[in-house]
PDB file of N, CA and C in Angstrom:
ATOM      1  N   MET A   1     -36.870 -19.198  -2.570  1.00  0.00           N
ATOM      2  CA  MET A   1     -35.845 -19.077  -1.674  1.00  0.00           C
ATOM      3  C   MET A   1     -34.752 -18.247  -2.094  1.00  0.00           C
ATOM      4  N   ARG A   2     -34.535 -16.910  -1.696  1.00  0.00           N
ATOM      5  CA  ARG A   2     -33.511 -16.179  -1.817  1.00  0.00           C
ATOM      6  C   ARG A   2     -32.199 -16.391  -1.267  1.00  0.00           C
ATOM      7  N   ILE A   3     -31.306 -16.031  -2.115  1.00  0.00           N
ATOM      8  CA  ILE A   3     -29.883 -16.565  -1.413  1.00  0.00           C
ATOM      9  C   ILE A   3     -29.460 -14.938  -1.475  1.00  0.00           C
ATOM     10  N   GLN A   4     -28.919 -14.500  -0.230  1.00  0.00           N
ATOM     11  CA  GLN A   4     -28.454 -13.469   0.050  1.00  0.00           C
ATOM     12  C   GLN A   4     -26.898 -13.482   0.162  1.00  0.00           C
ATOM     13  N   ARG A   5     -26.147 -12.350  -0.708  1.00  0.00           N
ATOM     14  CA  ARG A   5     -24.708 -12.676  -0.816  1.00  0.00           C
ATOM     15  C   ARG A   5     -24.160 -11.163  -0.399  1.00  0.00           C
ATOM     16  N   LEU A   6     -23.410 -11.116   0.575  1.00  0.00           N
ATOM     17  CA  LEU A   6     -22.836  -9.842   0.995  1.00  0.00           C
ATOM     18  C   LEU A   6     -21.104  -9.842   0.896  1.00  0.00           C
ATOM     19  N   HIS A   7     -20.524  -8.725   0.514  1.00  0.00           N
ATOM     20  CA  HIS A   7     -19.386  -8.524   0.271  1.00  0.00           C
ATOM     21  C   HIS A   7     -18.801  -9.528  -0.829  1.00  0.00           C
ATOM     22  N   THR A   8     -19.364  -9.231  -1.993  1.00  0.00           N
ATOM     23  CA  THR A   8     -19.356 -10.278  -3.022  1.00  0.00           C
ATOM     24  C   THR A   8     -18.384  -9.762  -4.251  1.00  0.00           C
ATOM     25  N   ASP A   9     -17.314 -10.363  -4.642  1.00  0.00           N
ATOM     26  CA  ASP A   9     -16.613 -10.066  -5.649  1.00  0.00           C
ATOM     27  C   ASP A   9     -16.878 -11.250  -6.816  1.00  0.00           C
ATOM     28  N   ARG A  10     -16.045 -11.108  -7.887  1.00  0.00           N
ATOM     29  CA  ARG A  10     -16.176 -12.160  -8.856  1.00  0.00           C
ATOM     30  C   ARG A  10     -16.077 -13.384  -8.547  1.00  0.00           C
ATOM     31  N   ARG A  11     -15.416 -13.903  -7.573  1.00  0.00           N
ATOM     32  CA  ARG A  11     -15.257 -15.315  -7.234  1.00  0.00           C
ATOM     33  C   ARG A  11     -15.862 -15.714  -6.022  1.00  0.00           C
ATOM     34  N   MET A  12     -16.039 -14.980  -4.999  1.00  0.00           N
ATOM     35  CA  MET A  12     -16.758 -15.258  -3.780  1.00  0.00           C
ATOM     36  C   MET A  12     -17.385 -14.283  -2.951  1.00  0.00           C
ATOM     37  N   SER A  13     -18.300 -14.592  -2.175  1.00  0.00           N
ATOM     38  CA  SER A  13     -18.944 -13.618  -1.143  1.00  0.00           C
ATOM     39  C   SER A  13     -18.305 -13.991   0.183  1.00  0.00           C
ATOM     40  N   GLN A  14     -18.107 -12.800   1.017  1.00  0.00           N
ATOM     41  CA  GLN A  14     -17.847 -13.106   2.215  1.00  0.00           C
ATOM     42  C   GLN A  14     -18.875 -13.708   3.285  1.00  0.00           C
ATOM     43  N   ILE A  15     -20.178 -13.292   2.966  1.00  0.00           N
ATOM     44  CA  ILE A  15     -21.409 -13.770   3.658  1.00  0.00           C
ATOM     45  C   ILE A  15     -22.205 -14.432   2.763  1.00  0.00           C
ATOM     46  N   VAL A  16     -22.726 -15.518   2.882  1.00  0.00           N
ATOM     47  CA  VAL A  16     -23.960 -15.856   2.121  1.00  0.00           C
ATOM     48  C   VAL A  16     -24.973 -16.496   3.094  1.00  0.00           C
ATOM     49  N   ILE A  17     -26.236 -15.779   2.811  1.00  0.00           N
ATOM     50  CA  ILE A  17     -27.400 -16.200   4.006  1.00  0.00           C
ATOM     51  C   ILE A  17     -28.544 -16.830   3.013  1.00  0.00           C
ATOM     52  N   HIS A  18     -28.800 -18.081   3.544  1.00  0.00           N
ATOM     53  CA  HIS A  18     -29.876 -18.809   2.840  1.00  0.00           C
ATOM     54  C   HIS A  18     -30.699 -19.676   3.843  1.00  0.00           C
ATOM     55  N   GLN A  19     -32.077 -19.603   3.894  1.00  0.00           N
ATOM     56  CA  GLN A  19     -32.930 -20.477   4.617  1.00  0.00           C
ATOM     57  C   GLN A  19     -32.284 -20.516   6.321  1.00  0.00           C
ATOM     58  N   GLY A  20     -32.152 -19.287   6.707  1.00  0.00           N
ATOM     59  CA  GLY A  20     -31.835 -19.142   8.185  1.00  0.00           C
ATOM     60  C   GLY A  20     -30.315 -19.640   8.622  1.00  0.00           C
ATOM     61  N   THR A  21     -29.626 -19.744   7.538  1.00  0.00           N
ATOM     62  CA  THR A  21     -28.278 -20.342   7.884  1.00  0.00           C
ATOM     63  C   THR A  21     -27.067 -19.117   7.262  1.00  0.00           C
ATOM     64  N   VAL A  22     -26.037 -19.004   7.994  1.00  0.00           N
ATOM     65  CA  VAL A  22     -25.118 -18.091   7.533  1.00  0.00           C
ATOM     66  C   VAL A  22     -23.837 -18.962   7.189  1.00  0.00           C
ATOM     67  N   TYR A  23     -23.246 -18.489   6.022  1.00  0.00           N
ATOM     68  CA  TYR A  23     -22.138 -19.164   5.595  1.00  0.00           C
ATOM     69  C   TYR A  23     -21.085 -17.980   5.595  1.00  0.00           C
ATOM     70  N   LEU A  24     -19.703 -18.044   6.134  1.00  0.00           N
ATOM     71  CA  LEU A  24     -18.717 -17.151   6.247  1.00  0.00           C
ATOM     72  C   LEU A  24     -17.639 -17.874   5.407  1.00  0.00           C
ATOM     73  N   SER A  25     -17.200 -17.184   4.295  1.00  0.00           N
ATOM     74  CA  SER A  25     -15.843 -17.655   3.668  1.00  0.00           C
ATOM     75  C   SER A  25     -14.692 -17.621   4.610  1.00  0.00           C
ATOM     76  N   GLY A  26     -13.814 -18.351   3.987  1.00  0.00           N
ATOM     77  CA  GLY A  26     -12.529 -18.229   4.733  1.00  0.00           C
ATOM     78  C   GLY A  26     -12.048 -17.001   5.264  1.00  0.00           C
ATOM     79  N   GLN A  27     -11.701 -16.787   6.420  1.00  0.00           N
ATOM     80  CA  GLN A  27     -11.456 -15.589   7.206  1.00  0.00           C
ATOM     81  C   GLN A  27     -10.186 -15.646   7.638  1.00  0.00           C
ATOM     82  N   VAL A  28      -9.207 -14.718   7.543  1.00  0.00           N
ATOM     83  CA  VAL A  28      -7.775 -14.626   8.155  1.00  0.00           C
ATOM     84  C   VAL A  28      -7.552 -13.157   8.788  1.00  0.00           C
ATOM     85  N   GLY A  29      -6.723 -12.995   9.837  1.00  0.00           N
ATOM     86  CA  GLY A  29      -6.553 -11.827  10.296  1.00  0.00           C
ATOM     87  C   GLY A  29      -5.718 -10.735   9.519  1.00  0.00           C
ATOM     88  N   GLU A  30      -5.577  -9.614   9.997  1.00  0.00           N
ATOM     89  CA  GLU A  30      -4.699  -8.576   9.193  1.00  0.00           C
ATOM     90  C   GLU A  30      -3.314  -8.619   9.471  1.00  0.00           C
ATOM     91  N   SER A  31      -2.869  -9.196  10.305  1.00  0.00           N
ATOM     92  CA  SER A  31      -1.341  -8.873  10.855  1.00  0.00           C
ATOM     93  C   SER A  31      -0.635 -10.184  10.383  1.00  0.00           C
ATOM     94  N   MET A  32      -0.331 -10.214   9.002  1.00  0.00           N
ATOM     95  CA  MET A  32       0.477 -11.352   8.549  1.00  0.00           C
ATOM     96  C   MET A  32       1.902 -11.523   9.347  1.00  0.00           C
ATOM     97  N   GLU A  33       2.405 -10.715   9.866  1.00  0.00           N
ATOM     98  CA  GLU A  33       3.607 -10.836  10.414  1.00  0.00           C
ATOM     99  C   GLU A  33       3.605 -11.311  11.647  1.00  0.00           C
ATOM    100  N   ALA A  34       2.261 -11.233  12.327  1.00  0.00           N
ATOM    101  CA  ALA A  34       2.101 -11.755  13.930  1.00  0.00           C
ATOM    102  C   ALA A  34       2.033 -13.427  14.023  1.00  0.00           C
ATOM    103  N   GLY A  35       2.286 -13.819  15.186  1.00  0.00           N
ATOM    104  CA  GLY A  35       2.130 -15.096  15.527  1.00  0.00           C
ATOM    105  C   GLY A  35       0.720 -15.781  15.457  1.00  0.00           C
ATOM    106  N   VAL A  36       0.661 -17.089  15.561  1.00  0.00           N
ATOM    107  CA  VAL A  36      -0.782 -17.630  15.582  1.00  0.00           C
ATOM    108  C   VAL A  36      -1.908 -17.149  16.486  1.00  0.00           C
ATOM    109  N   GLU A  37      -1.376 -16.662  17.733  1.00  0.00           N
ATOM    110  CA  GLU A  37      -2.272 -16.213  18.827  1.00  0.00           C
ATOM    111  C   GLU A  37      -2.887 -14.903  18.272  1.00  0.00           C
ATOM    112  N   GLN A  38      -2.120 -13.884  17.842  1.00  0.00           N
ATOM    113  CA  GLN A  38      -2.700 -12.732  17.217  1.00  0.00           C
ATOM    114  C   GLN A  38      -3.557 -12.817  15.919  1.00  0.00           C
ATOM    115  N   GLN A  39      -2.915 -13.706  15.215  1.00  0.00           N
ATOM    116  CA  GLN A  39      -3.746 -14.001  13.870  1.00  0.00           C
ATOM    117  C   GLN A  39      -5.111 -14.651  14.281  1.00  0.00           C
ATOM    118  N   THR A  40      -5.073 -15.419  15.277  1.00  0.00           N
ATOM    119  CA  THR A  40      -6.475 -16.065  15.536  1.00  0.00           C
ATOM    120  C   THR A  40      -7.202 -14.956  16.421  1.00  0.00           C
ATOM    121  N   GLU A  41      -6.732 -14.177  17.091  1.00  0.00           N
ATOM    122  CA  GLU A  41      -7.718 -13.100  17.819  1.00  0.00           C
ATOM    123  C   GLU A  41      -8.288 -12.219  16.519  1.00  0.00           C
ATOM    124  N   GLU A  42      -7.553 -11.836  15.588  1.00  0.00           N
ATOM    125  CA  GLU A  42      -8.034 -10.790  14.619  1.00  0.00           C
ATOM    126  C   GLU A  42      -8.994 -11.796  13.826  1.00  0.00           C
ATOM    127  N   THR A  43      -8.810 -12.964  13.436  1.00  0.00           N
ATOM    128  CA  THR A  43      -9.650 -13.603  12.500  1.00  0.00           C
ATOM    129  C   THR A  43     -10.933 -13.929  13.276  1.00  0.00           C
ATOM    130  N   LEU A  44     -10.974 -14.021  14.770  1.00  0.00           N
ATOM    131  CA  LEU A  44     -12.271 -14.098  15.382  1.00  0.00           C
ATOM    132  C   LEU A  44     -12.872 -12.843  15.455  1.00  0.00           C
ATOM    133  N   GLN A  45     -12.385 -11.703  15.702  1.00  0.00           N
ATOM    134  CA  GLN A  45     -12.894 -10.431  15.491  1.00  0.00           C
ATOM    135  C   GLN A  45     -13.610  -9.971  14.259  1.00  0.00           C
ATOM    136  N   GLU A  46     -12.883 -10.491  13.138  1.00  0.00           N
ATOM    137  CA  GLU A  46     -13.426 -10.460  11.908  1.00  0.00           C
ATOM    138  C   GLU A  46     -14.692 -11.212  11.697  1.00  0.00           C
ATOM    139  N   ILE A  47     -14.631 -12.346  12.208  1.00  0.00           N
ATOM    140  CA  ILE A  47     -15.812 -13.522  12.051  1.00  0.00           C
ATOM    141  C   ILE A  47     -17.021 -12.706  12.855  1.00  0.00           C
ATOM    142  N   GLU A  48     -16.710 -12.277  14.146  1.00  0.00           N
ATOM    143  CA  GLU A  48     -17.735 -11.536  15.006  1.00  0.00           C
ATOM    144  C   GLU A  48     -18.386 -10.478  14.135  1.00  0.00           C
ATOM    145  N   LYS A  49     -17.666  -9.661  13.606  1.00  0.00           N
ATOM    146  CA  LYS A  49     -18.238  -8.477  12.778  1.00  0.00           C
ATOM    147  C   LYS A  49     -19.082  -8.958  11.714  1.00  0.00           C
ATOM    148  N   LEU A  50     -18.552  -9.834  10.889  1.00  0.00           N
ATOM    149  CA  LEU A  50     -19.305 -10.326   9.743  1.00  0.00           C
ATOM    150  C   LEU A  50     -20.632 -11.199  10.159  1.00  0.00           C
ATOM    151  N   LEU A  51     -20.717 -11.834  11.383  1.00  0.00           N
ATOM    152  CA  LEU A  51     -21.734 -12.568  11.724  1.00  0.00           C
ATOM    153  C   LEU A  51     -22.925 -11.536  12.209  1.00  0.00           C
ATOM    154  N   ALA A  52     -22.276 -10.411  13.084  1.00  0.00           N
ATOM    155  CA  ALA A  52     -23.272  -9.404  13.429  1.00  0.00           C
ATOM    156  C   ALA A  52     -23.884  -8.708  12.371  1.00  0.00           C
ATOM    157  N   GLU A  53     -23.216  -8.595  11.243  1.00  0.00           N
ATOM    158  CA  GLU A  53     -23.589  -7.943   9.975  1.00  0.00           C
ATOM    159  C   GLU A  53     -24.925  -8.800   9.399  1.00  0.00           C
ATOM    160  N   ALA A  54     -24.613 -10.129   9.370  1.00  0.00           N
ATOM    161  CA  ALA A  54     -25.367 -11.223   8.954  1.00  0.00           C
ATOM    162  C   ALA A  54     -26.628 -11.246   9.905  1.00  0.00           C
ATOM    163  N   GLY A  55     -26.740 -10.905  10.921  1.00  0.00           N
ATOM    164  CA  GLY A  55     -27.819 -11.285  11.817  1.00  0.00           C
ATOM    165  C   GLY A  55     -27.587 -12.482  12.835  1.00  0.00           C
ATOM    166  N   SER A  56     -26.258 -12.633  12.966  1.00  0.00           N
ATOM    167  CA  SER A  56     -25.858 -13.736  13.869  1.00  0.00           C
ATOM    168  C   SER A  56     -24.884 -13.579  14.916  1.00  0.00           C
ATOM    169  N   ASP A  57     -24.386 -14.433  15.578  1.00  0.00           N
ATOM    170  CA  ASP A  57     -23.242 -14.115  16.652  1.00  0.00           C
ATOM    171  C   ASP A  57     -22.608 -15.512  16.861  1.00  0.00           C
ATOM    172  N   LYS A  58     -21.816 -15.219  17.609  1.00  0.00           N
ATOM    173  CA  LYS A  58     -20.990 -16.488  18.042  1.00  0.00           C
ATOM    174  C   LYS A  58     -21.548 -17.429  18.732  1.00  0.00           C
ATOM    175  N   GLU A  59     -22.663 -17.395  19.464  1.00  0.00           N
ATOM    176  CA  GLU A  59     -23.472 -18.323  20.112  1.00  0.00           C
ATOM    177  C   GLU A  59     -24.292 -19.120  19.292  1.00  0.00           C
ATOM    178  N   HIS A  60     -24.481 -18.741  17.994  1.00  0.00           N
ATOM    179  CA  HIS A  60     -25.223 -19.359  17.005  1.00  0.00           C
ATOM    180  C   HIS A  60     -24.317 -20.204  16.013  1.00  0.00           C
ATOM    181  N   ILE A  61     -22.898 -20.217  16.110  1.00  0.00           N
ATOM    182  CA  ILE A  61     -22.112 -20.932  15.255  1.00  0.00           C
ATOM    183  C   ILE A  61     -22.645 -22.506  15.440  1.00  0.00           C
ATOM    184  N   LEU A  62     -22.684 -23.135  14.230  1.00  0.00           N
ATOM    185  CA  LEU A  62     -23.187 -24.505  14.119  1.00  0.00           C
ATOM    186  C   LEU A  62     -21.587 -25.241  13.827  1.00  0.00           C
ATOM    187  N   SER A  63     -21.008 -24.698  12.917  1.00  0.00           N
ATOM    188  CA  SER A  63     -19.759 -25.528  12.548  1.00  0.00           C
ATOM    189  C   SER A  63     -18.747 -24.466  12.146  1.00  0.00           C
ATOM    190  N   VAL A  64     -17.359 -24.821  12.363  1.00  0.00           N
ATOM    191  CA  VAL A  64     -16.227 -24.153  12.014  1.00  0.00           C
ATOM    192  C   VAL A  64     -15.190 -25.260  11.448  1.00  0.00           C
ATOM    193  N   THR A  65     -14.617 -24.663  10.354  1.00  0.00           N
ATOM    194  CA  THR A  65     -13.471 -25.431  10.029  1.00  0.00           C
ATOM    195  C   THR A  65     -12.215 -24.598  10.129  1.00  0.00           C
ATOM    196  N   ILE A  66     -11.214 -24.880  10.629  1.00  0.00           N
ATOM    197  CA  ILE A  66     -10.078 -24.209  10.956  1.00  0.00           C
ATOM    198  C   ILE A  66      -8.881 -24.661  10.381  1.00  0.00           C
ATOM    199  N   TYR A  67      -8.371 -23.965   9.493  1.00  0.00           N
ATOM    200  CA  TYR A  67      -7.207 -24.344   8.736  1.00  0.00           C
ATOM    201  C   TYR A  67      -5.823 -23.672   9.398  1.00  0.00           C
ATOM    202  N   LEU A  68      -4.785 -24.726   9.632  1.00  0.00           N
ATOM    203  CA  LEU A  68      -3.585 -24.097  10.256  1.00  0.00           C
ATOM    204  C   LEU A  68      -2.648 -24.599   9.224  1.00  0.00           C
ATOM    205  N   LYS A  69      -1.536 -23.746   9.185  1.00  0.00           N
ATOM    206  CA  LYS A  69      -0.378 -23.804   8.284  1.00  0.00           C
ATOM    207  C   LYS A  69       0.505 -25.004   8.956  1.00  0.00           C
ATOM    208  N   ASP A  70       0.487 -24.956  10.044  1.00  0.00           N
ATOM    209  CA  ASP A  70       1.645 -26.086  10.784  1.00  0.00           C
ATOM    210  C   ASP A  70       0.948 -26.389  12.220  1.00  0.00           C
ATOM    211  N   ILE A  71      -0.060 -27.610  11.895  1.00  0.00           N
ATOM    212  CA  ILE A  71      -0.863 -27.844  13.032  1.00  0.00           C
ATOM    213  C   ILE A  71      -0.214 -28.222  14.366  1.00  0.00           C
ATOM    214  N   GLU A  72       1.163 -28.878  14.176  1.00  0.00           N
ATOM    215  CA  GLU A  72       2.023 -29.260  15.363  1.00  0.00           C
ATOM    216  C   GLU A  72       2.435 -28.081  16.211  1.00  0.00           C
ATOM    217  N   ARG A  73       2.837 -27.089  15.338  1.00  0.00           N
ATOM    218  CA  ARG A  73       3.242 -25.913  15.935  1.00  0.00           C
ATOM    219  C   ARG A  73       2.313 -25.187  16.632  1.00  0.00           C
ATOM    220  N   ASP A  74       1.205 -24.916  15.955  1.00  0.00           N
ATOM    221  CA  ASP A  74       0.413 -23.864  16.197  1.00  0.00           C
ATOM    222  C   ASP A  74      -1.220 -24.172  16.821  1.00  0.00           C
ATOM    223  N   PHE A  75      -1.238 -25.558  17.079  1.00  0.00           N
ATOM    224  CA  PHE A  75      -2.598 -25.927  17.330  1.00  0.00           C
ATOM    225  C   PHE A  75      -2.948 -25.525  18.794  1.00  0.00           C
ATOM    226  N   ALA A  76      -1.870 -25.515  19.738  1.00  0.00           N
ATOM    227  CA  ALA A  76      -2.115 -25.081  21.067  1.00  0.00           C
ATOM    228  C   ALA A  76      -2.302 -23.534  21.337  1.00  0.00           C
ATOM    229  N   GLY A  77      -1.738 -22.727  20.483  1.00  0.00           N
ATOM    230  CA  GLY A  77      -1.929 -21.378  20.511  1.00  0.00           C
ATOM    231  C   GLY A  77      -2.945 -20.989  19.967  1.00  0.00           C
ATOM    232  N   MET A  78      -3.583 -21.401  18.926  1.00  0.00           N
ATOM    233  CA  MET A  78      -4.854 -21.259  18.430  1.00  0.00           C
ATOM    234  C   MET A  78      -5.738 -21.780  19.392  1.00  0.00           C
ATOM    235  N   ASN A  79      -5.846 -22.987  19.819  1.00  0.00           N
ATOM    236  CA  ASN A  79      -6.806 -23.277  20.785  1.00  0.00           C
ATOM    237  C   ASN A  79      -7.012 -22.705  21.870  1.00  0.00           C
ATOM    238  N   ALA A  80      -6.057 -22.259  22.448  1.00  0.00           N
ATOM    239  CA  ALA A  80      -6.051 -21.332  23.817  1.00  0.00           C
ATOM    240  C   ALA A  80      -7.045 -20.053  23.497  1.00  0.00           C
ATOM    241  N   VAL A  81      -6.688 -19.286  22.276  1.00  0.00           N
ATOM    242  CA  VAL A  81      -7.438 -18.016  21.951  1.00  0.00           C
ATOM    243  C   VAL A  81      -8.869 -18.527  21.653  1.00  0.00           C
ATOM    244  N   TRP A  82      -9.155 -19.504  20.919  1.00  0.00           N
ATOM    245  CA  TRP A  82     -10.250 -20.166  20.635  1.00  0.00           C
ATOM    246  C   TRP A  82     -11.245 -20.372  21.889  1.00  0.00           C
ATOM    247  N   ASP A  83     -10.440 -21.061  22.887  1.00  0.00           N
ATOM    248  CA  ASP A  83     -11.315 -21.313  24.193  1.00  0.00           C
ATOM    249  C   ASP A  83     -11.833 -20.356  24.980  1.00  0.00           C
ATOM    250  N   ARG A  84     -10.839 -19.067  24.916  1.00  0.00           N
ATOM    251  CA  ARG A  84     -11.339 -17.604  25.560  1.00  0.00           C
ATOM    252  C   ARG A  84     -12.124 -17.149  24.844  1.00  0.00           C
ATOM    253  N   TRP A  85     -12.508 -17.174  23.518  1.00  0.00           N
ATOM    254  CA  TRP A  85     -13.282 -16.588  22.638  1.00  0.00           C
ATOM    255  C   TRP A  85     -14.641 -17.065  22.755  1.00  0.00           C
ATOM    256  N   LEU A  86     -14.969 -18.339  22.810  1.00  0.00           N
ATOM    257  CA  LEU A  86     -16.284 -18.923  22.865  1.00  0.00           C
ATOM    258  C   LEU A  86     -16.848 -18.779  24.379  1.00  0.00           C
ATOM    259  N   PRO A  87     -18.122 -18.595  24.328  1.00  0.00           N
ATOM    260  CA  PRO A  87     -18.855 -18.330  25.491  1.00  0.00           C
ATOM    261  C   PRO A  87     -19.068 -19.723  26.205  1.00  0.00           C
ATOM    262  N   GLU A  88     -19.142 -19.782  27.375  1.00  0.00           N
ATOM    263  CA  GLU A  88     -19.309 -21.087  28.137  1.00  0.00           C
ATOM    264  C   GLU A  88     -20.746 -21.804  27.613  1.00  0.00           C
ATOM    265  N   GLY A  89     -20.403 -22.959  27.492  1.00  0.00           N
ATOM    266  CA  GLY A  89     -21.565 -23.794  26.982  1.00  0.00           C
ATOM    267  C   GLY A  89     -21.738 -23.854  25.451  1.00  0.00           C
ATOM    268  N   VAL A  90     -21.148 -23.037  24.792  1.00  0.00           N
ATOM    269  CA  VAL A  90     -21.090 -22.991  23.098  1.00  0.00           C
ATOM    270  C   VAL A  90     -20.085 -23.845  22.778  1.00  0.00           C
ATOM    271  N   ALA A  91     -20.551 -24.987  22.027  1.00  0.00           N
ATOM    272  CA  ALA A  91     -19.655 -25.902  21.533  1.00  0.00           C
ATOM    273  C   ALA A  91     -19.819 -26.134  20.109  1.00  0.00           C
ATOM    274  N   PRO A  92     -19.446 -25.273  18.897  1.00  0.00           N
ATOM    275  CA  PRO A  92     -19.700 -25.655  17.655  1.00  0.00           C
ATOM    276  C   PRO A  92     -19.077 -27.020  17.166  1.00  0.00           C
ATOM    277  N   ALA A  93     -19.719 -27.783  16.307  1.00  0.00           N
ATOM    278  CA  ALA A  93     -18.784 -29.047  15.553  1.00  0.00           C
ATOM    279  C   ALA A  93     -17.679 -28.234  14.932  1.00  0.00           C
ATOM    280  N   ARG A  94     -16.583 -28.852  15.078  1.00  0.00           N
ATOM    281  CA  ARG A  94     -15.145 -28.270  14.555  1.00  0.00           C
ATOM    282  C   ARG A  94     -14.439 -29.278  13.930  1.00  0.00           C
ATOM    283  N   ALA A  95     -13.618 -28.815  12.998  1.00  0.00           N
ATOM    284  CA  ALA A  95     -12.425 -29.688  12.362  1.00  0.00           C
ATOM    285  C   ALA A  95     -11.354 -28.664  12.223  1.00  0.00           C
ATOM    286  N   THR A  96     -10.302 -29.153  12.706  1.00  0.00           N
ATOM    287  CA  THR A  96      -8.998 -28.339  12.527  1.00  0.00           C
ATOM    288  C   THR A  96      -8.109 -29.446  11.771  1.00  0.00           C
ATOM    289  N   VAL A  97      -7.696 -28.654  10.586  1.00  0.00           N
ATOM    290  CA  VAL A  97      -6.591 -29.405   9.673  1.00  0.00           C
ATOM    291  C   VAL A  97      -5.514 -28.547   9.370  1.00  0.00           C
ATOM    292  N   GLU A  98      -4.568 -29.170   8.841  1.00  0.00           N
ATOM    293  CA  GLU A  98      -3.379 -28.827   8.345  1.00  0.00           C
ATOM    294  C   GLU A  98      -3.537 -28.352   6.906  1.00  0.00           C
ATOM    295  N   ALA A  99      -3.174 -27.145   6.370  1.00  0.00           N
ATOM    296  CA  ALA A  99      -3.502 -26.701   5.007  1.00  0.00           C
ATOM    297  C   ALA A  99      -2.527 -25.896   4.457  1.00  0.00           C
ATOM    298  N   GLY A 100      -2.374 -26.036   3.299  1.00  0.00           N
ATOM    299  CA  GLY A 100      -1.402 -24.995   2.653  1.00  0.00           C
ATOM    300  C   GLY A 100      -2.258 -23.692   2.283  1.00  0.00           C
ATOM    301  N   MET A 101      -1.470 -22.631   2.815  1.00  0.00           N
ATOM    302  CA  MET A 101      -2.360 -21.442   2.725  1.00  0.00           C
ATOM    303  C   MET A 101      -2.082 -20.598   1.368  1.00  0.00           C
ATOM    304  N   CYS A 102      -3.012 -19.648   1.074  1.00  0.00           N
ATOM    305  CA  CYS A 102      -2.731 -19.111  -0.274  1.00  0.00           C
ATOM    306  C   CYS A 102      -1.460 -18.003  -0.177  1.00  0.00           C
ATOM    307  N   GLU A 103      -1.155 -17.323   0.929  1.00  0.00           N
ATOM    308  CA  GLU A 103      -0.200 -16.634   1.302  1.00  0.00           C
ATOM    309  C   GLU A 103       0.771 -17.323   2.286  1.00  0.00           C
ATOM    310  N   SER A 104       2.127 -17.266   2.199  1.00  0.00           N
ATOM    311  CA  SER A 104       2.980 -17.970   2.967  1.00  0.00           C
ATOM    312  C   SER A 104       2.864 -17.385   4.581  1.00  0.00           C
ATOM    313  N   ASP A 105       2.518 -16.179   4.811  1.00  0.00           N
ATOM    314  CA  ASP A 105       2.351 -15.500   6.219  1.00  0.00           C
ATOM    315  C   ASP A 105       1.219 -16.055   7.020  1.00  0.00           C
ATOM    316  N   ILE A 106       0.334 -16.374   6.292  1.00  0.00           N
ATOM    317  CA  ILE A 106      -1.002 -16.751   6.818  1.00  0.00           C
ATOM    318  C   ILE A 106      -0.886 -17.975   7.717  1.00  0.00           C
ATOM    319  N   LEU A 107      -1.168 -18.085   9.029  1.00  0.00           N
ATOM    320  CA  LEU A 107      -0.985 -19.111   9.842  1.00  0.00           C
ATOM    321  C   LEU A 107      -2.227 -19.842  10.189  1.00  0.00           C
ATOM    322  N   VAL A 108      -3.402 -19.267  10.123  1.00  0.00           N
ATOM    323  CA  VAL A 108      -4.742 -19.544  10.576  1.00  0.00           C
ATOM    324  C   VAL A 108      -5.739 -18.827   9.516  1.00  0.00           C
ATOM    325  N   GLU A 109      -6.843 -19.955   9.125  1.00  0.00           N
ATOM    326  CA  GLU A 109      -7.991 -19.494   8.513  1.00  0.00           C
ATOM    327  C   GLU A 109      -9.267 -20.295   8.837  1.00  0.00           C
ATOM    328  N   MET A 110     -10.347 -19.476   9.050  1.00  0.00           N
ATOM    329  CA  MET A 110     -11.635 -20.123   9.393  1.00  0.00           C
ATOM    330  C   MET A 110     -12.772 -19.928   8.731  1.00  0.00           C
ATOM    331  N   SER A 111     -13.456 -21.095   8.239  1.00  0.00           N
ATOM    332  CA  SER A 111     -14.710 -20.876   7.457  1.00  0.00           C
ATOM    333  C   SER A 111     -15.956 -21.320   8.610  1.00  0.00           C
ATOM    334  N   VAL A 112     -17.014 -20.496   8.673  1.00  0.00           N
ATOM    335  CA  VAL A 112     -17.914 -20.750   9.710  1.00  0.00           C
ATOM    336  C   VAL A 112     -19.556 -20.901   9.027  1.00  0.00           C
ATOM    337  N   ILE A 113     -20.273 -21.745   9.704  1.00  0.00           N
ATOM    338  CA  ILE A 113     -21.561 -21.853   9.550  1.00  0.00           C
ATOM    339  C   ILE A 113     -22.279 -21.728  10.556  1.00  0.00           C
ATOM    340  N   ALA A 114     -23.271 -20.730  10.577  1.00  0.00           N
ATOM    341  CA  ALA A 114     -24.066 -20.253  11.903  1.00  0.00           C
ATOM    342  C   ALA A 114     -25.456 -20.117  11.504  1.00  0.00           C
ATOM    343  N   ALA A 115     -26.356 -20.255  12.614  1.00  0.00           N
ATOM    344  CA  ALA A 115     -27.794 -19.898  12.304  1.00  0.00           C
ATOM    345  C   ALA A 115     -28.024 -18.491  12.472  1.00  0.00           C
ATOM    346  N   LEU A 116     -29.051 -17.974  11.904  1.00  0.00           N
ATOM    347  CA  LEU A 116     -29.445 -16.580  12.132  1.00  0.00           C
ATOM    348  C   LEU A 116     -30.078 -16.565  13.750  1.00  0.00           C
ATOM    349  N   ARG A 117     -29.911 -15.319  14.248  1.00  0.00           N
ATOM    350  CA  ARG A 117     -30.649 -15.075  15.381  1.00  0.00           C
ATOM    351  C   ARG A 117     -32.045 -15.063  15.121  1.00  0.00           C
ATOM    352  N   GLU A 118     -32.922 -15.578  15.851  1.00  0.00           N
ATOM    353  CA  GLU A 118     -34.344 -15.443  15.717  1.00  0.00           C
ATOM    354  C   GLU A 118     -35.028 -14.217  16.235  1.00  0.00           C
TER     355      GLU A 118
END
């Protein structure tokens, strides 16, 4: 059972593929000065890119954990972008939690588990 690791540095891999499952490490957007909506859009764009590279897509997402710096302030904005991004009928298991971020400007981070496309 081979484990495939992509975009690997000393401490983590951006993509791990094992037994038909894709694991994406915590992803964040590029524009740290932007609001939660733009950070969410950028984060989802990066997730789409990584899923495609791994041989999956957003229709194959099984589970996502969404970390928000301030869930009370940012949940509605993040959720509106999330709802527009997901195709109709796609509803992965999801947990949204408030979390301390590694950098003060990060408002949203997402970790994804998806199935490979067949």
